[in-house]
Amino acid sequence: METGGNCIVKILVTGGCGFIGSNLVRHLLESPEHEVLNIDKLTYAGNPRSLNDLEGNSRYEFSQTDICDASAITEIIGRFTPDWIMHLAAESHVDRSIDGPGEFVQTNVVGTFTLLQAARTHFETLSGEAKERFRFLHVSTDEVYGSLGVEGLFSESTPYDPHSPYSASKAASDHLARAWADTYGLPVLVTNCSNNYGPFQFPEKLIPVVILKALRGEPIPVYGKGENIRDWLYVGDHAEALHLVMAKGKTGKTYNIGGNNERQNIDIVRLLCSLLDDLHPREDSKGYAEQITFVTDRPGHDLRYAIDASKIKKELNWSPKQDHTSGFRKTVQWYLDNEDWTNNILSGDYQLERLGNS
């Protein structure tokens, strides 16, 4: 658990240049008692620009490292001696997993195994208060549970039923994390979250796709009839929940994190169009909803996800701060205010910079 006073908590975050990771790193560094080492391979969705504001922060360090590189991971953990490891590094886009499942197995399964082994070795060298302090958080998704019908919620005891290469790879990594807890006594926690949205999301997921297509005057694609239902979680709320789980959660436990915000995809798209109508009206005074276009549904597209987050609310007193509209308004405004960030990706300059870093 997190200590009080002036004790520094050293936190290793994997995937800290990604969407959720960058928001988490920034949140952790709001506390003067935290030091953060961010390791990220900088694959297509890892963007160091998302953390430009931390340049010069003496409590932040970045290392471009592949979590599948066992020797590099072992060296980094041995040098940094983290109190917490927060594992977010993952390939995460369902469509990409359908086209190229191998990378998902490598990063999400083999990478998690490699990290767990290195964490276990480190943990076994610790003693006393350092051993009591150490924790390993594996951050996962509600997609491992499969698809819900029109009723019901995913709880921590819901059987796994993944339907895509992405969700199957995350299910496998969840099982590995729990096995290392049960077999080796590693103090592991697991979280399964619903769909995140918010600042710094790579422009291939639904929310930024809608916003950016709308602003560029392009058709806004919606799978099928847009009837698929997701529970939407603002990324800032998620970061706070992850921090709370590390500080106060019970090791060996799983916590579901949801936004209490079930919506059909088409309703989310229409909400975003309405917010854009208000915050950035089209020059022709027409509504952005006129750009909505329905496209062929993707294979294995689960109908509905919905999280029962009552456990984390009851045990840790957490609940999301953003309501059904406020987080989306914040998100639309962020994309309007940060055109340079998105243009760097959409123009292709981002890919050139990434190749230069590899």
Foldseek 3Di string as FASTA:
>chain_A
DDDDDQAAAEEEEELLQADLNVLLVVVQVVDVRYAYEYEYLLDLRRFCVSNPVCPPPPRYHYDNDQLLPLVVLLVVCVVRVGLEYEYDDADADQVVCQVPVVVRLCRLPSSLVSNLVSLLVSLVVDDDPSNVRHEYEYEAALQQLPFDDPDDADEQPRDGDHQTSNSVSNNNSVVVQLCCCVPRVHQYEYEHEWAEDAPSHACPDQLNQLLVCLVVVAAREAEDPQQAKTFYAYSNLVSVLVVLCSVFNGGSYYAYYTQNAIDRRVVVSVLLQVLCCVVPNDPVNDTSVVRYDYDHHDPSDHRYHHHDRVVCCVRRVGHGPDDNRPRSNNRSVNCVVPVVSNCCSVVCVSVVVSVVVD
